[in-house]
Amino acid sequence: LPKGTPGTDPNDRLIGIGPGGAGYVNDAECLKTTVLGKAKRYGT
């Protein structure tokens, strides 16, 4: 990934994008499970 402005500084990280990895998104499943798990903990 060529830099827009060449040069280095102490905070320069070589990795500009990534690391990437394969997988699937489970946001809906986790949110539903969490809500159901907390819903009955405190009675009425």
PDB file of all heavy atoms in Angstrom:
ATOM      1  N   LEU A   1       0.864  -1.177   0.000  1.00  0.00           N
ATOM      2  CA  LEU A   1       0.000   0.000   0.000  1.00  0.00           C
ATOM      3  C   LEU A   1       0.905   1.233   0.000  1.00  0.00           C
ATOM      4  O   LEU A   1       1.418   1.626   1.054  1.00  0.00           O
ATOM      5  CB  LEU A   1      -0.904   0.020   1.238  1.00  0.00           C
ATOM      6  CG  LEU A   1      -1.798  -1.195   1.483  1.00  0.00           C
ATOM      7  CD1 LEU A   1      -2.511  -1.072   2.833  1.00  0.00           C
ATOM      8  CD2 LEU A   1      -2.809  -1.349   0.360  1.00  0.00           C
ATOM      9  N   PRO A   2       1.155   1.852  -1.154  1.00  0.00           N
ATOM     10  CA  PRO A   2       2.055   3.013  -1.194  1.00  0.00           C
ATOM     11  C   PRO A   2       1.539   4.150  -0.324  1.00  0.00           C
ATOM     12  O   PRO A   2       0.345   4.458  -0.316  1.00  0.00           O
ATOM     13  CB  PRO A   2       2.059   3.400  -2.678  1.00  0.00           C
ATOM     14  CG  PRO A   2       1.615   2.180  -3.407  1.00  0.00           C
ATOM     15  CD  PRO A   2       0.650   1.488  -2.491  1.00  0.00           C
ATOM     16  N   LYS A   3       2.418   4.772   0.441  1.00  0.00           N
ATOM     17  CA  LYS A   3       2.047   5.900   1.287  1.00  0.00           C
ATOM     18  C   LYS A   3       1.767   7.125   0.423  1.00  0.00           C
ATOM     19  O   LYS A   3       2.426   7.352  -0.589  1.00  0.00           O
ATOM     20  CB  LYS A   3       3.172   6.225   2.275  1.00  0.00           C
ATOM     21  CG  LYS A   3       3.394   5.172   3.336  1.00  0.00           C
ATOM     22  CD  LYS A   3       4.496   5.620   4.287  1.00  0.00           C
ATOM     23  CE  LYS A   3       4.739   4.582   5.375  1.00  0.00           C
ATOM     24  NZ  LYS A   3       5.821   4.999   6.295  1.00  0.00           N
ATOM     25  N   GLY A   4       0.814   7.933   0.862  1.00  0.00           N
ATOM     26  CA  GLY A   4       0.560   9.187   0.167  1.00  0.00           C
ATOM     27  C   GLY A   4       1.729  10.135   0.276  1.00  0.00           C
ATOM     28  O   GLY A   4       2.096  10.822  -0.679  1.00  0.00           O
ATOM     29  N   THR A   5       2.332  10.168   1.473  1.00  0.00           N
ATOM     30  CA  THR A   5       3.514  10.990   1.706  1.00  0.00           C
ATOM     31  C   THR A   5       4.603  10.091   2.271  1.00  0.00           C
ATOM     32  O   THR A   5       4.444   9.542   3.360  1.00  0.00           O
ATOM     33  CB  THR A   5       3.222  12.115   2.716  1.00  0.00           C
ATOM     34  OG1 THR A   5       2.134  12.905   2.213  1.00  0.00           O
ATOM     35  CG2 THR A   5       4.440  12.998   2.909  1.00  0.00           C
ATOM     36  N   PRO A   6       5.704   9.922   1.530  1.00  0.00           N
ATOM     37  CA  PRO A   6       6.771   9.048   2.030  1.00  0.00           C
ATOM     38  C   PRO A   6       7.368   9.572   3.335  1.00  0.00           C
ATOM     39  O   PRO A   6       7.360  10.769   3.617  1.00  0.00           O
ATOM     40  CB  PRO A   6       7.818   9.092   0.902  1.00  0.00           C
ATOM     41  CG  PRO A   6       7.069   9.535  -0.298  1.00  0.00           C
ATOM     42  CD  PRO A   6       6.005  10.461   0.202  1.00  0.00           C
ATOM     43  N   GLY A   7       7.865   8.644   4.147  1.00  0.00           N
ATOM     44  CA  GLY A   7       8.504   9.016   5.407  1.00  0.00           C
ATOM     45  C   GLY A   7       8.133   8.060   6.509  1.00  0.00           C
ATOM     46  O   GLY A   7       7.219   7.248   6.374  1.00  0.00           O
ATOM     47  N   THR A   8       8.868   8.134   7.615  1.00  0.00           N
ATOM     48  CA  THR A   8       8.586   7.281   8.768  1.00  0.00           C
ATOM     49  C   THR A   8       8.552   8.120  10.025  1.00  0.00           C
ATOM     50  O   THR A   8       9.130   9.205  10.090  1.00  0.00           O
ATOM     51  CB  THR A   8       9.665   6.189   8.942  1.00  0.00           C
ATOM     52  OG1 THR A   8      10.935   6.827   9.116  1.00  0.00           O
ATOM     53  CG2 THR A   8       9.717   5.280   7.726  1.00  0.00           C
ATOM     54  N   ASP A   9       7.838   7.628  11.018  1.00  0.00           N
ATOM     55  CA  ASP A   9       7.870   8.224  12.352  1.00  0.00           C
ATOM     56  C   ASP A   9       7.706   7.090  13.348  1.00  0.00           C
ATOM     57  O   ASP A   9       7.335   5.976  12.973  1.00  0.00           O
ATOM     58  CB  ASP A   9       6.793   9.308  12.518  1.00  0.00           C
ATOM     59  CG  ASP A   9       5.385   8.748  12.500  1.00  0.00           C
ATOM     60  OD1 ASP A   9       5.069   7.918  13.371  1.00  0.00           O
ATOM     61  OD2 ASP A   9       4.593   9.145  11.635  1.00  0.00           O
ATOM     62  N   PRO A  10       7.992   7.339  14.632  1.00  0.00           N
ATOM     63  CA  PRO A  10       7.978   6.238  15.613  1.00  0.00           C
ATOM     64  C   PRO A  10       6.640   5.527  15.728  1.00  0.00           C
ATOM     65  O   PRO A  10       6.577   4.383  16.136  1.00  0.00           O
ATOM     66  CB  PRO A  10       8.345   6.941  16.934  1.00  0.00           C
ATOM     67  CG  PRO A  10       9.097   8.152  16.520  1.00  0.00           C
ATOM     68  CD  PRO A  10       8.488   8.596  15.226  1.00  0.00           C
ATOM     69  N   ASN A  11       5.544   6.202  15.365  1.00  0.00           N
ATOM     70  CA  ASN A  11       4.226   5.593  15.481  1.00  0.00           C
ATOM     71  C   ASN A  11       3.743   4.955  14.189  1.00  0.00           C
ATOM     72  O   ASN A  11       2.596   4.524  14.086  1.00  0.00           O
ATOM     73  CB  ASN A  11       3.193   6.628  15.937  1.00  0.00           C
ATOM     74  CG  ASN A  11       2.875   6.480  17.418  1.00  0.00           C
ATOM     75  OD1 ASN A  11       2.890   5.373  17.928  1.00  0.00           O
ATOM     76  ND2 ASN A  11       2.615   7.578  18.089  1.00  0.00           N
ATOM     77  N   ASP A  12       4.587   4.922  13.173  1.00  0.00           N
ATOM     78  CA  ASP A  12       4.208   4.315  11.902  1.00  0.00           C
ATOM     79  C   ASP A  12       4.088   2.800  12.048  1.00  0.00           C
ATOM     80  O   ASP A  12       5.040   2.135  12.448  1.00  0.00           O
ATOM     81  CB  ASP A  12       5.259   4.626  10.831  1.00  0.00           C
ATOM     82  CG  ASP A  12       4.709   5.526   9.750  1.00  0.00           C
ATOM     83  OD1 ASP A  12       3.513   5.859   9.816  1.00  0.00           O
ATOM     84  OD2 ASP A  12       5.472   5.896   8.843  1.00  0.00           O
ATOM     85  N   ARG A  13       2.926   2.270  11.715  1.00  0.00           N
ATOM     86  CA  ARG A  13       2.738   0.828  11.688  1.00  0.00           C
ATOM     87  C   ARG A  13       2.814   0.363  10.245  1.00  0.00           C
ATOM     88  O   ARG A  13       2.240   1.001   9.348  1.00  0.00           O
ATOM     89  CB  ARG A  13       1.375   0.454  12.263  1.00  0.00           C
ATOM     90  CG  ARG A  13       1.204   0.797  13.731  1.00  0.00           C
ATOM     91  CD  ARG A  13      -0.166   0.372  14.193  1.00  0.00           C
ATOM     92  NE  ARG A  13      -0.343   0.595  15.607  1.00  0.00           N
ATOM     93  CZ  ARG A  13      -1.387   0.141  16.305  1.00  0.00           C
ATOM     94  NH1 ARG A  13      -2.315  -0.554  15.700  1.00  0.00           N
ATOM     95  NH2 ARG A  13      -1.493   0.374  17.590  1.00  0.00           N
ATOM     96  N   LEU A  14       3.478  -0.739  10.022  1.00  0.00           N
ATOM     97  CA  LEU A  14       3.580  -1.238   8.661  1.00  0.00           C
ATOM     98  C   LEU A  14       2.224  -1.720   8.160  1.00  0.00           C
ATOM     99  O   LEU A  14       1.872  -1.520   7.002  1.00  0.00           O
ATOM    100  CB  LEU A  14       4.611  -2.372   8.576  1.00  0.00           C
ATOM    101  CG  LEU A  14       4.891  -2.849   7.147  1.00  0.00           C
ATOM    102  CD1 LEU A  14       5.645  -1.786   6.357  1.00  0.00           C
ATOM    103  CD2 LEU A  14       5.673  -4.151   7.143  1.00  0.00           C
ATOM    104  N   ILE A  15       1.447  -2.365   9.037  1.00  0.00           N
ATOM    105  CA  ILE A  15       0.151  -2.908   8.617  1.00  0.00           C
ATOM    106  C   ILE A  15      -0.867  -1.780   8.537  1.00  0.00           C
ATOM    107  O   ILE A  15      -1.232  -1.183   9.543  1.00  0.00           O
ATOM    108  CB  ILE A  15      -0.327  -4.001   9.577  1.00  0.00           C
ATOM    109  CG1 ILE A  15       0.679  -5.143   9.632  1.00  0.00           C
ATOM    110  CG2 ILE A  15      -1.694  -4.534   9.140  1.00  0.00           C
ATOM    111  CD1 ILE A  15       0.390  -6.169  10.704  1.00  0.00           C
ATOM    112  N   GLY A  16      -1.310  -1.487   7.315  1.00  0.00           N
ATOM    113  CA  GLY A  16      -2.323  -0.454   7.129  1.00  0.00           C
ATOM    114  C   GLY A  16      -3.726  -1.023   7.125  1.00  0.00           C
ATOM    115  O   GLY A  16      -4.680  -0.365   7.549  1.00  0.00           O
ATOM    116  N   ILE A  17      -3.885  -2.256   6.641  1.00  0.00           N
ATOM    117  CA  ILE A  17      -5.192  -2.933   6.589  1.00  0.00           C
ATOM    118  C   ILE A  17      -4.991  -4.381   7.027  1.00  0.00           C
ATOM    119  O   ILE A  17      -4.081  -5.052   6.570  1.00  0.00           O
ATOM    120  CB  ILE A  17      -5.792  -2.909   5.174  1.00  0.00           C
ATOM    121  CG1 ILE A  17      -5.959  -1.473   4.673  1.00  0.00           C
ATOM    122  CG2 ILE A  17      -7.133  -3.632   5.147  1.00  0.00           C
ATOM    123  CD1 ILE A  17      -6.447  -1.377   3.240  1.00  0.00           C
ATOM    124  N   GLY A  18      -5.850  -4.855   7.880  1.00  0.00           N
ATOM    125  CA  GLY A  18      -5.792  -6.260   8.295  1.00  0.00           C
ATOM    126  C   GLY A  18      -5.363  -6.397   9.747  1.00  0.00           C
ATOM    127  O   GLY A  18      -5.238  -5.407  10.471  1.00  0.00           O
ATOM    128  N   PRO A  19      -5.152  -7.635  10.190  1.00  0.00           N
ATOM    129  CA  PRO A  19      -5.188  -8.867   9.399  1.00  0.00           C
ATOM    130  C   PRO A  19      -6.603  -9.333   9.119  1.00  0.00           C
ATOM    131  O   PRO A  19      -7.460  -9.275   9.992  1.00  0.00           O
ATOM    132  CB  PRO A  19      -4.459  -9.876  10.279  1.00  0.00           C
ATOM    133  CG  PRO A  19      -4.679  -9.385  11.673  1.00  0.00           C
ATOM    134  CD  PRO A  19      -4.743  -7.878  11.582  1.00  0.00           C
ATOM    135  N   GLY A  20      -6.830  -9.774   7.883  1.00  0.00           N
ATOM    136  CA  GLY A  20      -8.127 -10.303   7.510  1.00  0.00           C
ATOM    137  C   GLY A  20      -8.222 -11.773   7.862  1.00  0.00           C
ATOM    138  O   GLY A  20      -7.218 -12.449   8.063  1.00  0.00           O
ATOM    139  N   GLY A  21      -9.452 -12.257   7.937  1.00  0.00           N
ATOM    140  CA  GLY A  21      -9.688 -13.678   8.205  1.00  0.00           C
ATOM    141  C   GLY A  21     -11.096 -14.062   7.797  1.00  0.00           C
ATOM    142  O   GLY A  21     -11.978 -13.218   7.747  1.00  0.00           O
ATOM    143  N   ALA A  22     -11.307 -15.302   7.503  1.00  0.00           N
ATOM    144  CA  ALA A  22     -12.632 -15.757   7.094  1.00  0.00           C
ATOM    145  C   ALA A  22     -13.472 -16.082   8.313  1.00  0.00           C
ATOM    146  O   ALA A  22     -12.956 -16.381   9.388  1.00  0.00           O
ATOM    147  CB  ALA A  22     -12.512 -16.986   6.204  1.00  0.00           C
ATOM    148  N   GLY A  23     -14.785 -16.048   8.147  1.00  0.00           N
ATOM    149  CA  GLY A  23     -15.666 -16.382   9.252  1.00  0.00           C
ATOM    150  C   GLY A  23     -17.090 -15.942   8.951  1.00  0.00           C
ATOM    151  O   GLY A  23     -17.398 -15.523   7.846  1.00  0.00           O
ATOM    152  N   TYR A  24     -17.963 -16.035   9.938  1.00  0.00           N
ATOM    153  CA  TYR A  24     -19.336 -15.597   9.743  1.00  0.00           C
ATOM    154  C   TYR A  24     -19.711 -14.679  10.902  1.00  0.00           C
ATOM    155  O   TYR A  24     -19.114 -14.700  11.974  1.00  0.00           O
ATOM    156  CB  TYR A  24     -20.289 -16.790   9.677  1.00  0.00           C
ATOM    157  CG  TYR A  24     -20.355 -17.620  10.940  1.00  0.00           C
ATOM    158  CD1 TYR A  24     -21.302 -17.364  11.918  1.00  0.00           C
ATOM    159  CD2 TYR A  24     -19.456 -18.672  11.147  1.00  0.00           C
ATOM    160  CE1 TYR A  24     -21.359 -18.124  13.076  1.00  0.00           C
ATOM    161  CE2 TYR A  24     -19.510 -19.436  12.298  1.00  0.00           C
ATOM    162  CZ  TYR A  24     -20.458 -19.158  13.257  1.00  0.00           C
ATOM    163  OH  TYR A  24     -20.510 -19.905  14.392  1.00  0.00           O
ATOM    164  N   VAL A  25     -20.706 -13.824  10.662  1.00  0.00           N
ATOM    165  CA  VAL A  25     -21.119 -12.833  11.651  1.00  0.00           C
ATOM    166  C   VAL A  25     -22.230 -13.417  12.513  1.00  0.00           C
ATOM    167  O   VAL A  25     -23.207 -13.955  11.992  1.00  0.00           O
ATOM    168  CB  VAL A  25     -21.601 -11.549  10.957  1.00  0.00           C
ATOM    169  CG1 VAL A  25     -22.054 -10.524  11.980  1.00  0.00           C
ATOM    170  CG2 VAL A  25     -20.488 -10.970  10.092  1.00  0.00           C
ATOM    171  N   ASN A  26     -22.103 -13.308  13.832  1.00  0.00           N
ATOM    172  CA  ASN A  26     -23.102 -13.899  14.716  1.00  0.00           C
ATOM    173  C   ASN A  26     -23.713 -12.865  15.658  1.00  0.00           C
ATOM    174  O   ASN A  26     -24.114 -13.186  16.773  1.00  0.00           O
ATOM    175  CB  ASN A  26     -22.484 -15.048  15.533  1.00  0.00           C
ATOM    176  CG  ASN A  26     -21.497 -14.546  16.573  1.00  0.00           C
ATOM    177  OD1 ASN A  26     -20.955 -13.449  16.457  1.00  0.00           O
ATOM    178  ND2 ASN A  26     -21.264 -15.338  17.593  1.00  0.00           N
ATOM    179  N   ASP A  27     -23.804 -11.594  15.232  1.00  0.00           N
ATOM    180  CA  ASP A  27     -24.327 -10.536  16.091  1.00  0.00           C
ATOM    181  C   ASP A  27     -25.753 -10.817  16.547  1.00  0.00           C
ATOM    182  O   ASP A  27     -26.076 -10.667  17.729  1.00  0.00           O
ATOM    183  CB  ASP A  27     -24.279  -9.194  15.363  1.00  0.00           C
ATOM    184  CG  ASP A  27     -22.867  -8.681  15.167  1.00  0.00           C
ATOM    185  OD1 ASP A  27     -21.990  -9.104  15.940  1.00  0.00           O
ATOM    186  OD2 ASP A  27     -22.635  -7.882  14.255  1.00  0.00           O
ATOM    187  N   ALA A  28     -26.640 -11.182  15.613  1.00  0.00           N
ATOM    188  CA  ALA A  28     -28.044 -11.404  15.968  1.00  0.00           C
ATOM    189  C   ALA A  28     -28.183 -12.549  16.966  1.00  0.00           C
ATOM    190  O   ALA A  28     -28.914 -12.451  17.954  1.00  0.00           O
ATOM    191  CB  ALA A  28     -28.860 -11.690  14.707  1.00  0.00           C
ATOM    192  N   GLU A  29     -27.471 -13.627  16.721  1.00  0.00           N
ATOM    193  CA  GLU A  29     -27.539 -14.796  17.611  1.00  0.00           C
ATOM    194  C   GLU A  29     -27.068 -14.443  19.017  1.00  0.00           C
ATOM    195  O   GLU A  29     -27.704 -14.819  20.012  1.00  0.00           O
ATOM    196  CB  GLU A  29     -26.678 -15.912  17.024  1.00  0.00           C
ATOM    197  CG  GLU A  29     -26.615 -17.169  17.879  1.00  0.00           C
ATOM    198  CD  GLU A  29     -25.614 -18.178  17.329  1.00  0.00           C
ATOM    199  OE1 GLU A  29     -25.235 -18.068  16.147  1.00  0.00           O
ATOM    200  OE2 GLU A  29     -25.208 -19.059  18.100  1.00  0.00           O
ATOM    201  N   CYS A  30     -25.944 -13.730  19.107  1.00  0.00           N
ATOM    202  CA  CYS A  30     -25.410 -13.376  20.426  1.00  0.00           C
ATOM    203  C   CYS A  30     -26.340 -12.420  21.167  1.00  0.00           C
ATOM    204  O   CYS A  30     -26.539 -12.548  22.380  1.00  0.00           O
ATOM    205  CB  CYS A  30     -24.030 -12.743  20.275  1.00  0.00           C
ATOM    206  SG  CYS A  30     -22.713 -13.940  20.042  1.00  0.00           S
ATOM    207  N   LEU A  31     -26.901 -11.439  20.451  1.00  0.00           N
ATOM    208  CA  LEU A  31     -27.801 -10.491  21.096  1.00  0.00           C
ATOM    209  C   LEU A  31     -29.046 -11.191  21.626  1.00  0.00           C
ATOM    210  O   LEU A  31     -29.473 -10.963  22.770  1.00  0.00           O
ATOM    211  CB  LEU A  31     -28.181  -9.391  20.099  1.00  0.00           C
ATOM    212  CG  LEU A  31     -29.131  -8.313  20.614  1.00  0.00           C
ATOM    213  CD1 LEU A  31     -28.565  -7.622  21.852  1.00  0.00           C
ATOM    214  CD2 LEU A  31     -29.429  -7.286  19.524  1.00  0.00           C
ATOM    215  N   LYS A  32     -29.626 -12.058  20.819  1.00  0.00           N
ATOM    216  CA  LYS A  32     -30.824 -12.781  21.251  1.00  0.00           C
ATOM    217  C   LYS A  32     -30.527 -13.652  22.464  1.00  0.00           C
ATOM    218  O   LYS A  32     -31.289 -13.648  23.451  1.00  0.00           O
ATOM    219  CB  LYS A  32     -31.346 -13.643  20.096  1.00  0.00           C
ATOM    220  CG  LYS A  32     -32.576 -14.466  20.451  1.00  0.00           C
ATOM    221  CD  LYS A  32     -33.031 -15.288  19.251  1.00  0.00           C
ATOM    222  CE  LYS A  32     -34.194 -16.207  19.607  1.00  0.00           C
ATOM    223  NZ  LYS A  32     -34.663 -17.000  18.446  1.00  0.00           N
ATOM    224  N   THR A  33     -29.439 -14.400  22.423  1.00  0.00           N
ATOM    225  CA  THR A  33     -29.078 -15.280  23.528  1.00  0.00           C
ATOM    226  C   THR A  33     -28.847 -14.477  24.813  1.00  0.00           C
ATOM    227  O   THR A  33     -29.266 -14.882  25.905  1.00  0.00           O
ATOM    228  CB  THR A  33     -27.812 -16.081  23.178  1.00  0.00           C
ATOM    229  OG1 THR A  33     -28.065 -16.859  22.010  1.00  0.00           O
ATOM    230  CG2 THR A  33     -27.412 -17.000  24.320  1.00  0.00           C
ATOM    231  N   THR A  34     -28.196 -13.330  24.683  1.00  0.00           N
ATOM    232  CA  THR A  34     -27.912 -12.489  25.846  1.00  0.00           C
ATOM    233  C   THR A  34     -29.194 -11.964  26.477  1.00  0.00           C
ATOM    234  O   THR A  34     -29.369 -12.011  27.702  1.00  0.00           O
ATOM    235  CB  THR A  34     -27.009 -11.316  25.434  1.00  0.00           C
ATOM    236  OG1 THR A  34     -25.764 -11.838  24.970  1.00  0.00           O
ATOM    237  CG2 THR A  34     -26.770 -10.377  26.609  1.00  0.00           C
ATOM    238  N   VAL A  35     -30.095 -11.459  25.653  1.00  0.00           N
ATOM    239  CA  VAL A  35     -31.347 -10.908  26.177  1.00  0.00           C
ATOM    240  C   VAL A  35     -32.167 -11.997  26.857  1.00  0.00           C
ATOM    241  O   VAL A  35     -32.698 -11.805  27.961  1.00  0.00           O
ATOM    242  CB  VAL A  35     -32.149 -10.240  25.037  1.00  0.00           C
ATOM    243  CG1 VAL A  35     -33.550  -9.851  25.510  1.00  0.00           C
ATOM    244  CG2 VAL A  35     -31.404  -9.014  24.519  1.00  0.00           C
ATOM    245  N   LEU A  36     -32.266 -13.161  26.215  1.00  0.00           N
ATOM    246  CA  LEU A  36     -33.023 -14.257  26.825  1.00  0.00           C
ATOM    247  C   LEU A  36     -32.395 -14.713  28.136  1.00  0.00           C
ATOM    248  O   LEU A  36     -33.093 -15.058  29.089  1.00  0.00           O
ATOM    249  CB  LEU A  36     -33.112 -15.438  25.847  1.00  0.00           C
ATOM    250  CG  LEU A  36     -34.021 -15.234  24.634  1.00  0.00           C
ATOM    251  CD1 LEU A  36     -33.880 -16.401  23.663  1.00  0.00           C
ATOM    252  CD2 LEU A  36     -35.474 -15.086  25.073  1.00  0.00           C
ATOM    253  N   GLY A  37     -31.071 -14.710  28.192  1.00  0.00           N
ATOM    254  CA  GLY A  37     -30.386 -15.149  29.402  1.00  0.00           C
ATOM    255  C   GLY A  37     -30.604 -14.232  30.583  1.00  0.00           C
ATOM    256  O   GLY A  37     -30.595 -14.671  31.746  1.00  0.00           O
ATOM    257  N   LYS A  38     -30.787 -12.933  30.306  1.00  0.00           N
ATOM    258  CA  LYS A  38     -30.973 -11.959  31.389  1.00  0.00           C
ATOM    259  C   LYS A  38     -32.438 -11.728  31.740  1.00  0.00           C
ATOM    260  O   LYS A  38     -32.743 -11.210  32.821  1.00  0.00           O
ATOM    261  CB  LYS A  38     -30.341 -10.616  30.992  1.00  0.00           C
ATOM    262  CG  LYS A  38     -28.827 -10.654  30.803  1.00  0.00           C
ATOM    263  CD  LYS A  38     -28.119 -10.878  32.121  1.00  0.00           C
ATOM    264  CE  LYS A  38     -26.612 -10.831  31.957  1.00  0.00           C
ATOM    265  NZ  LYS A  38     -25.900 -11.034  33.249  1.00  0.00           N
ATOM    266  N   ALA A  39     -33.338 -12.095  30.847  1.00  0.00           N
ATOM    267  CA  ALA A  39     -34.748 -11.704  30.992  1.00  0.00           C
ATOM    268  C   ALA A  39     -35.409 -12.267  32.244  1.00  0.00           C
ATOM    269  O   ALA A  39     -36.266 -11.612  32.856  1.00  0.00           O
ATOM    270  CB  ALA A  39     -35.534 -12.132  29.749  1.00  0.00           C
ATOM    271  N   LYS A  40     -35.043 -13.492  32.659  1.00  0.00           N
ATOM    272  CA  LYS A  40     -35.747 -14.172  33.748  1.00  0.00           C
ATOM    273  C   LYS A  40     -34.961 -14.195  35.054  1.00  0.00           C
ATOM    274  O   LYS A  40     -35.366 -14.872  36.004  1.00  0.00           O
ATOM    275  CB  LYS A  40     -36.065 -15.609  33.331  1.00  0.00           C
ATOM    276  CG  LYS A  40     -36.943 -15.734  32.086  1.00  0.00           C
ATOM    277  CD  LYS A  40     -38.347 -15.227  32.338  1.00  0.00           C
ATOM    278  CE  LYS A  40     -39.260 -15.491  31.144  1.00  0.00           C
ATOM    279  NZ  LYS A  40     -40.619 -14.987  31.370  1.00  0.00           N
ATOM    280  N   ARG A  41     -33.858 -13.473  35.100  1.00  0.00           N
ATOM    281  CA  ARG A  41     -32.972 -13.597  36.268  1.00  0.00           C
ATOM    282  C   ARG A  41     -33.523 -12.935  37.532  1.00  0.00           C
ATOM    283  O   ARG A  41     -33.118 -13.282  38.644  1.00  0.00           O
ATOM    284  CB  ARG A  41     -31.601 -12.980  35.952  1.00  0.00           C
ATOM    285  CG  ARG A  41     -30.739 -13.845  35.064  1.00  0.00           C
ATOM    286  CD  ARG A  41     -29.457 -13.123  34.699  1.00  0.00           C
ATOM    287  NE  ARG A  41     -28.696 -12.694  35.859  1.00  0.00           N
ATOM    288  CZ  ARG A  41     -27.847 -13.460  36.535  1.00  0.00           C
ATOM    289  NH1 ARG A  41     -27.665 -14.725  36.170  1.00  0.00           N
ATOM    290  NH2 ARG A  41     -27.181 -12.982  37.566  1.00  0.00           N
ATOM    291  N   TYR A  42     -34.432 -11.981  37.387  1.00  0.00           N
ATOM    292  CA  TYR A  42     -34.796 -11.157  38.539  1.00  0.00           C
ATOM    293  C   TYR A  42     -36.262 -11.283  38.946  1.00  0.00           C
ATOM    294  O   TYR A  42     -36.768 -10.464  39.718  1.00  0.00           O
ATOM    295  CB  TYR A  42     -34.461  -9.687  38.238  1.00  0.00           C
ATOM    296  CG  TYR A  42     -33.060  -9.548  37.723  1.00  0.00           C
ATOM    297  CD1 TYR A  42     -32.808  -9.164  36.413  1.00  0.00           C
ATOM    298  CD2 TYR A  42     -31.967  -9.862  38.535  1.00  0.00           C
ATOM    299  CE1 TYR A  42     -31.514  -9.076  35.928  1.00  0.00           C
ATOM    300  CE2 TYR A  42     -30.672  -9.779  38.055  1.00  0.00           C
ATOM    301  CZ  TYR A  42     -30.455  -9.389  36.754  1.00  0.00           C
ATOM    302  OH  TYR A  42     -29.173  -9.310  36.271  1.00  0.00           O
ATOM    303  N   GLY A  43     -36.946 -12.286  38.415  1.00  0.00           N
ATOM    304  CA  GLY A  43     -38.335 -12.474  38.794  1.00  0.00           C
ATOM    305  C   GLY A  43     -39.199 -11.337  38.277  1.00  0.00           C
ATOM    306  O   GLY A  43     -38.910 -10.708  37.261  1.00  0.00           O
ATOM    307  N   THR A  44     -40.274 -11.051  39.003  1.00  0.00           N
ATOM    308  CA  THR A  44     -41.185  -9.964  38.633  1.00  0.00           C
ATOM    309  C   THR A  44     -40.739  -8.691  39.328  1.00  0.00           C
ATOM    310  O   THR A  44     -40.794  -8.583  40.555  1.00  0.00           O
ATOM    311  CB  THR A  44     -42.636 -10.306  39.034  1.00  0.00           C
ATOM    312  OG1 THR A  44     -43.023 -11.526  38.386  1.00  0.00           O
ATOM    313  CG2 THR A  44     -43.578  -9.193  38.608  1.00  0.00           C
TER     314      THR A  44
END
